[in-house]
Amino acid sequence: MNITDPITIALTKGRILKETLPLLAKVGIEPSEDLDASRKLIVPTTLTNVHLVILRGSDVPTYVKHGAADIGIAGKDMLLEFGGEGIYEPLDLGIARCRLMTAGPRLSQTTQAPRRRIRVATKFLNIARAHYAEKGIHADLIKLYGSMELAPLMGLADEIVDIVDTGKTLEENGMVPLELIAEVSSRLIVNKASMRTRHASVRMLVDALEEAVGAQE
């Protein structure tokens, strides 16, 4: 692949990164250093003009939106939470699949009547606010960054909004998934200005990844 323009790709740490790297390798893009050992913040790749930055998932849309990165790979949950202004979303990569759901204590399904005001713990404030508003429920939102299941157990919240993979963590803590908000997978996102100014290189990379995704379906 002949990428002639300098391209920066923002990748999401964790599970998404692990599932993204093999996909990038299929189109000839591999880190030139061991990501686990390297302390570099901007990592060169096997393609001279392509560099990687590894970020928290919540930061990837911001870097792409403001043009600090030309391309990014982020979960659909983060795109729903932070909005898509200034970003194209040309491709569903079909990796890191999970569900964004509400969840609550198992007993609450049978012991409590429907409520019009509840306390909800989540890091997805915008998504949660919109979801409960659509249902006519006033949600007092409590922002947490981890261990969401603990909030109902400790009386901090009635429900949570969080990513659910297997549901095992919920089950082990006496909780159950309640309502599906969105099916989540990782998406390729592109800065709108980069799509114009570096169109040939960006388009080439998008098309190559689309072909790679199609080949594994």
C-alpha atoms as a PDB file:
ATOM      1  CA  MET A   1       0.000   0.000   0.000  1.00  0.00           C
ATOM      2  CA  ASN A   2       1.526   3.291  -1.129  1.00  0.00           C
ATOM      3  CA  ILE A   3       0.509   5.893   1.457  1.00  0.00           C
ATOM      4  CA  THR A   4       2.077   9.151   0.271  1.00  0.00           C
ATOM      5  CA  ASP A   5       0.666  11.524   2.907  1.00  0.00           C
ATOM      6  CA  PRO A   6       1.594  11.427   6.594  1.00  0.00           C
ATOM      7  CA  ILE A   7      -1.233   9.640   8.413  1.00  0.00           C
ATOM      8  CA  THR A   8      -1.723   9.307  12.170  1.00  0.00           C
ATOM      9  CA  ILE A   9      -4.007   6.550  13.427  1.00  0.00           C
ATOM     10  CA  ALA A  10      -5.423   6.762  16.958  1.00  0.00           C
ATOM     11  CA  LEU A  11      -6.035   3.352  18.516  1.00  0.00           C
ATOM     12  CA  THR A  12      -7.973   2.437  21.650  1.00  0.00           C
ATOM     13  CA  LYS A  13      -6.150   0.670  24.482  1.00  0.00           C
ATOM     14  CA  GLY A  14      -7.133  -2.759  25.754  1.00  0.00           C
ATOM     15  CA  ARG A  15      -9.339  -5.295  24.022  1.00  0.00           C
ATOM     16  CA  ILE A  16      -9.940  -3.095  20.983  1.00  0.00           C
ATOM     17  CA  LEU A  17      -6.186  -2.679  20.439  1.00  0.00           C
ATOM     18  CA  LYS A  18      -5.611  -6.442  20.633  1.00  0.00           C
ATOM     19  CA  GLU A  19      -8.278  -7.077  18.012  1.00  0.00           C
ATOM     20  CA  THR A  20      -7.242  -4.119  15.840  1.00  0.00           C
ATOM     21  CA  LEU A  21      -3.557  -5.001  15.394  1.00  0.00           C
ATOM     22  CA  PRO A  22      -4.171  -8.220  13.398  1.00  0.00           C
ATOM     23  CA  LEU A  23      -6.560  -6.321  11.136  1.00  0.00           C
ATOM     24  CA  LEU A  24      -3.999  -3.574  10.508  1.00  0.00           C
ATOM     25  CA  ALA A  25      -1.352  -6.233   9.838  1.00  0.00           C
ATOM     26  CA  LYS A  26      -3.517  -7.598   7.027  1.00  0.00           C
ATOM     27  CA  VAL A  27      -3.191  -4.264   5.216  1.00  0.00           C
ATOM     28  CA  GLY A  28       0.552  -4.026   5.852  1.00  0.00           C
ATOM     29  CA  ILE A  29       0.550  -1.784   8.916  1.00  0.00           C
ATOM     30  CA  GLU A  30       2.408  -3.125  11.955  1.00  0.00           C
ATOM     31  CA  PRO A  31       4.099  -1.280  14.834  1.00  0.00           C
ATOM     32  CA  SER A  32       7.845  -1.153  14.266  1.00  0.00           C
ATOM     33  CA  GLU A  33       8.340  -1.544  18.027  1.00  0.00           C
ATOM     34  CA  ASP A  34       6.862  -3.777  20.721  1.00  0.00           C
ATOM     35  CA  LEU A  35       3.923  -1.774  22.072  1.00  0.00           C
ATOM     36  CA  ASP A  36       4.175  -3.468  25.468  1.00  0.00           C
ATOM     37  CA  ALA A  37       7.834  -2.511  25.862  1.00  0.00           C
ATOM     38  CA  SER A  38       7.983   0.851  24.088  1.00  0.00           C
ATOM     39  CA  ARG A  39       7.495   4.100  26.000  1.00  0.00           C
ATOM     40  CA  LYS A  40       6.995   6.146  22.844  1.00  0.00           C
ATOM     41  CA  LEU A  41       3.731   8.032  22.655  1.00  0.00           C
ATOM     42  CA  ILE A  42       3.812   8.165  18.857  1.00  0.00           C
ATOM     43  CA  VAL A  43       4.802   4.809  17.401  1.00  0.00           C
ATOM     44  CA  PRO A  44       6.210   4.377  13.867  1.00  0.00           C
ATOM     45  CA  THR A  45       4.970   1.509  11.715  1.00  0.00           C
ATOM     46  CA  THR A  46       6.186  -0.620   8.841  1.00  0.00           C
ATOM     47  CA  LEU A  47       4.746   2.032   6.504  1.00  0.00           C
ATOM     48  CA  THR A  48       6.986   5.092   6.566  1.00  0.00           C
ATOM     49  CA  ASN A  49       4.205   7.688   6.528  1.00  0.00           C
ATOM     50  CA  VAL A  50       1.885   5.969   8.994  1.00  0.00           C
ATOM     51  CA  HIS A  51       2.185   6.416  12.776  1.00  0.00           C
ATOM     52  CA  LEU A  52       0.107   5.130  15.661  1.00  0.00           C
ATOM     53  CA  VAL A  53      -0.960   6.744  18.926  1.00  0.00           C
ATOM     54  CA  ILE A  54      -2.465   4.575  21.672  1.00  0.00           C
ATOM     55  CA  LEU A  55      -5.149   6.351  23.702  1.00  0.00           C
ATOM     56  CA  ARG A  56      -7.975   5.840  26.146  1.00  0.00           C
ATOM     57  CA  GLY A  57     -11.174   5.040  24.294  1.00  0.00           C
ATOM     58  CA  SER A  58     -12.810   8.280  25.357  1.00  0.00           C
ATOM     59  CA  ASP A  59      -9.935  10.286  23.861  1.00  0.00           C
ATOM     60  CA  VAL A  60      -9.893   8.747  20.380  1.00  0.00           C
ATOM     61  CA  PRO A  61     -12.954  10.631  19.013  1.00  0.00           C
ATOM     62  CA  THR A  62     -11.535  13.890  20.430  1.00  0.00           C
ATOM     63  CA  TYR A  63      -8.158  13.454  18.718  1.00  0.00           C
ATOM     64  CA  VAL A  64      -9.832  12.628  15.415  1.00  0.00           C
ATOM     65  CA  LYS A  65     -12.460  15.374  15.684  1.00  0.00           C
ATOM     66  CA  HIS A  66      -9.808  18.055  16.189  1.00  0.00           C
ATOM     67  CA  GLY A  67      -7.456  16.694  13.531  1.00  0.00           C
ATOM     68  CA  ALA A  68      -4.648  15.599  15.863  1.00  0.00           C
ATOM     69  CA  ALA A  69      -5.206  12.153  14.343  1.00  0.00           C
ATOM     70  CA  ASP A  70      -6.410  11.594  10.800  1.00  0.00           C
ATOM     71  CA  ILE A  71      -8.009   8.231  11.477  1.00  0.00           C
ATOM     72  CA  GLY A  72      -9.134   6.444  14.618  1.00  0.00           C
ATOM     73  CA  ILE A  73     -10.599   3.177  15.796  1.00  0.00           C
ATOM     74  CA  ALA A  74     -13.114   3.501  18.605  1.00  0.00           C
ATOM     75  CA  GLY A  75     -16.073   1.666  20.054  1.00  0.00           C
ATOM     76  CA  LYS A  76     -19.523   2.726  18.941  1.00  0.00           C
ATOM     77  CA  ASP A  77     -20.318   3.440  22.594  1.00  0.00           C
ATOM     78  CA  MET A  78     -17.742   6.238  22.639  1.00  0.00           C
ATOM     79  CA  LEU A  79     -19.056   7.686  19.393  1.00  0.00           C
ATOM     80  CA  LEU A  80     -22.600   7.716  20.752  1.00  0.00           C
ATOM     81  CA  GLU A  81     -21.416   9.356  23.962  1.00  0.00           C
ATOM     82  CA  PHE A  82     -19.244  12.082  22.432  1.00  0.00           C
ATOM     83  CA  GLY A  83     -21.092  12.703  19.149  1.00  0.00           C
ATOM     84  CA  GLY A  84     -19.862  12.566  15.587  1.00  0.00           C
ATOM     85  CA  GLU A  85     -19.323  16.230  14.703  1.00  0.00           C
ATOM     86  CA  GLY A  86     -16.275  16.628  12.473  1.00  0.00           C
ATOM     87  CA  ILE A  87     -15.968  12.873  11.999  1.00  0.00           C
ATOM     88  CA  TYR A  88     -16.851  10.412   9.245  1.00  0.00           C
ATOM     89  CA  GLU A  89     -17.685   6.850  10.262  1.00  0.00           C
ATOM     90  CA  PRO A  90     -17.111   4.909   7.036  1.00  0.00           C
ATOM     91  CA  LEU A  91     -16.650   1.372   8.328  1.00  0.00           C
ATOM     92  CA  ASP A  92     -17.838  -1.046  10.997  1.00  0.00           C
ATOM     93  CA  LEU A  93     -14.791  -3.211  11.705  1.00  0.00           C
ATOM     94  CA  GLY A  94     -16.913  -5.855  13.395  1.00  0.00           C
ATOM     95  CA  ILE A  95     -14.450  -6.362  16.266  1.00  0.00           C
ATOM     96  CA  ALA A  96     -14.716  -6.057  20.071  1.00  0.00           C
ATOM     97  CA  ARG A  97     -18.450  -6.722  19.954  1.00  0.00           C
ATOM     98  CA  CYS A  98     -20.500  -6.160  23.095  1.00  0.00           C
ATOM     99  CA  ARG A  99     -23.745  -4.516  24.242  1.00  0.00           C
ATOM    100  CA  LEU A 100     -24.486  -1.229  25.963  1.00  0.00           C
ATOM    101  CA  MET A 101     -27.211  -1.938  28.500  1.00  0.00           C
ATOM    102  CA  THR A 102     -28.956  -0.882  31.647  1.00  0.00           C
ATOM    103  CA  ALA A 103     -28.598  -3.302  34.541  1.00  0.00           C
ATOM    104  CA  GLY A 104     -29.819  -3.589  38.106  1.00  0.00           C
ATOM    105  CA  PRO A 105     -30.099  -5.906  41.110  1.00  0.00           C
ATOM    106  CA  ARG A 106     -31.834  -9.192  40.310  1.00  0.00           C
ATOM    107  CA  LEU A 107     -34.515  -8.725  42.986  1.00  0.00           C
ATOM    108  CA  SER A 108     -35.492  -5.276  41.717  1.00  0.00           C
ATOM    109  CA  GLN A 109     -37.300  -6.812  38.755  1.00  0.00           C
ATOM    110  CA  THR A 110     -39.965  -8.342  40.983  1.00  0.00           C
ATOM    111  CA  THR A 111     -39.977  -6.275  44.160  1.00  0.00           C
ATOM    112  CA  GLN A 112     -40.158  -2.757  42.827  1.00  0.00           C
ATOM    113  CA  ALA A 113     -42.892  -0.952  40.946  1.00  0.00           C
ATOM    114  CA  PRO A 114     -41.997   1.183  37.924  1.00  0.00           C
ATOM    115  CA  ARG A 115     -40.396   4.453  38.993  1.00  0.00           C
ATOM    116  CA  ARG A 116     -40.300   7.908  37.455  1.00  0.00           C
ATOM    117  CA  ARG A 117     -37.092   8.940  39.190  1.00  0.00           C
ATOM    118  CA  ILE A 118     -34.050   6.738  39.712  1.00  0.00           C
ATOM    119  CA  ARG A 119     -30.349   7.046  40.427  1.00  0.00           C
ATOM    120  CA  VAL A 120     -28.081   5.735  37.691  1.00  0.00           C
ATOM    121  CA  ALA A 121     -24.334   5.160  37.861  1.00  0.00           C
ATOM    122  CA  THR A 122     -22.450   5.307  34.569  1.00  0.00           C
ATOM    123  CA  LYS A 123     -19.599   6.852  32.637  1.00  0.00           C
ATOM    124  CA  PHE A 124     -21.952   7.275  29.653  1.00  0.00           C
ATOM    125  CA  LEU A 125     -23.763  10.356  30.885  1.00  0.00           C
ATOM    126  CA  ASN A 126     -25.078  11.597  27.538  1.00  0.00           C
ATOM    127  CA  ILE A 127     -26.294   8.171  26.452  1.00  0.00           C
ATOM    128  CA  ALA A 128     -27.953   7.477  29.796  1.00  0.00           C
ATOM    129  CA  ARG A 129     -29.624  10.885  29.917  1.00  0.00           C
ATOM    130  CA  ALA A 130     -31.125  10.412  26.456  1.00  0.00           C
ATOM    131  CA  HIS A 131     -32.212   6.818  27.136  1.00  0.00           C
ATOM    132  CA  TYR A 132     -34.093   7.540  30.348  1.00  0.00           C
ATOM    133  CA  ALA A 133     -35.575  10.789  29.006  1.00  0.00           C
ATOM    134  CA  GLU A 134     -37.034   8.858  26.069  1.00  0.00           C
ATOM    135  CA  LYS A 135     -38.717   6.543  28.568  1.00  0.00           C
ATOM    136  CA  GLY A 136     -40.084   9.441  30.589  1.00  0.00           C
ATOM    137  CA  ILE A 137     -37.896   8.619  33.586  1.00  0.00           C
ATOM    138  CA  HIS A 138     -35.927  11.281  35.432  1.00  0.00           C
ATOM    139  CA  ALA A 139     -32.457   9.874  36.064  1.00  0.00           C
ATOM    140  CA  ASP A 140     -30.135  11.372  38.638  1.00  0.00           C
ATOM    141  CA  LEU A 141     -26.811  10.493  37.015  1.00  0.00           C
ATOM    142  CA  ILE A 142     -23.728   9.600  39.035  1.00  0.00           C
ATOM    143  CA  LYS A 143     -20.497   9.513  37.051  1.00  0.00           C
ATOM    144  CA  LEU A 144     -18.195   6.599  37.801  1.00  0.00           C
ATOM    145  CA  TYR A 145     -15.242   5.275  35.826  1.00  0.00           C
ATOM    146  CA  GLY A 146     -15.184   1.627  36.891  1.00  0.00           C
ATOM    147  CA  SER A 147     -16.695  -1.132  39.039  1.00  0.00           C
ATOM    148  CA  MET A 148     -20.206  -0.011  38.097  1.00  0.00           C
ATOM    149  CA  GLU A 149     -21.732  -3.123  39.643  1.00  0.00           C
ATOM    150  CA  LEU A 150     -20.638  -1.908  43.070  1.00  0.00           C
ATOM    151  CA  ALA A 151     -22.887   1.158  42.970  1.00  0.00           C
ATOM    152  CA  PRO A 152     -26.229  -0.657  43.422  1.00  0.00           C
ATOM    153  CA  LEU A 153     -24.657  -3.073  45.920  1.00  0.00           C
ATOM    154  CA  MET A 154     -23.548  -0.144  48.104  1.00  0.00           C
ATOM    155  CA  GLY A 155     -26.809   1.772  47.748  1.00  0.00           C
ATOM    156  CA  LEU A 156     -25.236   4.485  45.609  1.00  0.00           C
ATOM    157  CA  ALA A 157     -27.478   3.846  42.589  1.00  0.00           C
ATOM    158  CA  ASP A 158     -30.589   1.923  41.562  1.00  0.00           C
ATOM    159  CA  GLU A 159     -29.311   0.966  38.103  1.00  0.00           C
ATOM    160  CA  ILE A 160     -26.206   1.247  35.973  1.00  0.00           C
ATOM    161  CA  VAL A 161     -25.558   1.866  32.296  1.00  0.00           C
ATOM    162  CA  ASP A 162     -22.509  -0.019  31.145  1.00  0.00           C
ATOM    163  CA  ILE A 163     -20.913  -2.275  28.570  1.00  0.00           C
ATOM    164  CA  VAL A 164     -21.934  -5.925  28.897  1.00  0.00           C
ATOM    165  CA  ASP A 165     -19.878  -8.667  27.291  1.00  0.00           C
ATOM    166  CA  THR A 166     -20.657 -12.105  28.732  1.00  0.00           C
ATOM    167  CA  GLY A 167     -22.749 -10.829  31.646  1.00  0.00           C
ATOM    168  CA  LYS A 168     -20.722 -12.933  34.086  1.00  0.00           C
ATOM    169  CA  THR A 169     -19.651  -9.980  36.242  1.00  0.00           C
ATOM    170  CA  LEU A 170     -23.275  -8.886  36.597  1.00  0.00           C
ATOM    171  CA  GLU A 171     -24.364 -12.393  37.548  1.00  0.00           C
ATOM    172  CA  GLU A 172     -21.627 -12.821  40.142  1.00  0.00           C
ATOM    173  CA  ASN A 173     -22.745  -9.590  41.808  1.00  0.00           C
ATOM    174  CA  GLY A 174     -26.455 -10.407  41.915  1.00  0.00           C
ATOM    175  CA  MET A 175     -27.355  -8.202  38.967  1.00  0.00           C
ATOM    176  CA  VAL A 176     -29.063  -8.753  35.634  1.00  0.00           C
ATOM    177  CA  PRO A 177     -29.067  -6.886  32.311  1.00  0.00           C
ATOM    178  CA  LEU A 178     -32.341  -5.001  31.879  1.00  0.00           C
ATOM    179  CA  GLU A 179     -32.592  -3.073  28.617  1.00  0.00           C
ATOM    180  CA  LEU A 180     -30.464  -2.990  25.489  1.00  0.00           C
ATOM    181  CA  ILE A 181     -29.437   0.517  24.489  1.00  0.00           C
ATOM    182  CA  ALA A 182     -27.109  -0.298  21.576  1.00  0.00           C
ATOM    183  CA  GLU A 183     -25.151  -3.103  19.977  1.00  0.00           C
ATOM    184  CA  VAL A 184     -21.500  -2.046  20.092  1.00  0.00           C
ATOM    185  CA  SER A 185     -18.544  -2.836  17.846  1.00  0.00           C
ATOM    186  CA  SER A 186     -15.411  -0.933  16.874  1.00  0.00           C
ATOM    187  CA  ARG A 187     -15.686   1.611  14.081  1.00  0.00           C
ATOM    188  CA  LEU A 188     -13.187   3.262  11.772  1.00  0.00           C
ATOM    189  CA  ILE A 189     -13.520   7.022  12.029  1.00  0.00           C
ATOM    190  CA  VAL A 190     -11.932   9.718   9.863  1.00  0.00           C
ATOM    191  CA  ASN A 191     -11.372  13.419  10.395  1.00  0.00           C
ATOM    192  CA  LYS A 192     -13.427  15.320   7.801  1.00  0.00           C
ATOM    193  CA  ALA A 193     -10.611  17.724   6.948  1.00  0.00           C
ATOM    194  CA  SER A 194      -8.152  14.857   6.484  1.00  0.00           C
ATOM    195  CA  MET A 195     -10.577  13.173   4.112  1.00  0.00           C
ATOM    196  CA  ARG A 196     -10.386  16.275   1.933  1.00  0.00           C
ATOM    197  CA  THR A 197      -6.718  17.239   2.217  1.00  0.00           C
ATOM    198  CA  ARG A 198      -5.271  13.704   2.235  1.00  0.00           C
ATOM    199  CA  HIS A 199      -8.030  12.060   0.297  1.00  0.00           C
ATOM    200  CA  ALA A 200      -6.022   9.580  -1.779  1.00  0.00           C
ATOM    201  CA  SER A 201      -4.087   8.187   1.181  1.00  0.00           C
ATOM    202  CA  VAL A 202      -7.079   8.080   3.525  1.00  0.00           C
ATOM    203  CA  ARG A 203      -9.303   6.498   0.883  1.00  0.00           C
ATOM    204  CA  MET A 204      -6.676   3.876   0.125  1.00  0.00           C
ATOM    205  CA  LEU A 205      -6.441   2.919   3.783  1.00  0.00           C
ATOM    206  CA  VAL A 206     -10.222   2.840   4.263  1.00  0.00           C
ATOM    207  CA  ASP A 207     -10.678   0.661   1.167  1.00  0.00           C
ATOM    208  CA  ALA A 208      -7.906  -1.727   2.247  1.00  0.00           C
ATOM    209  CA  LEU A 209      -9.459  -2.160   5.696  1.00  0.00           C
ATOM    210  CA  GLU A 210     -12.906  -2.643   4.204  1.00  0.00           C
ATOM    211  CA  GLU A 211     -11.527  -5.433   2.020  1.00  0.00           C
ATOM    212  CA  ALA A 212      -9.776  -7.010   5.028  1.00  0.00           C
ATOM    213  CA  VAL A 213     -12.989  -6.917   7.078  1.00  0.00           C
ATOM    214  CA  GLY A 214     -14.959  -8.428   4.199  1.00  0.00           C
ATOM    215  CA  ALA A 215     -12.443 -11.239   3.832  1.00  0.00           C
ATOM    216  CA  GLN A 216     -12.967 -12.393   7.412  1.00  0.00           C
ATOM    217  CA  GLU A 217     -16.765 -12.367   7.360  1.00  0.00           C
END
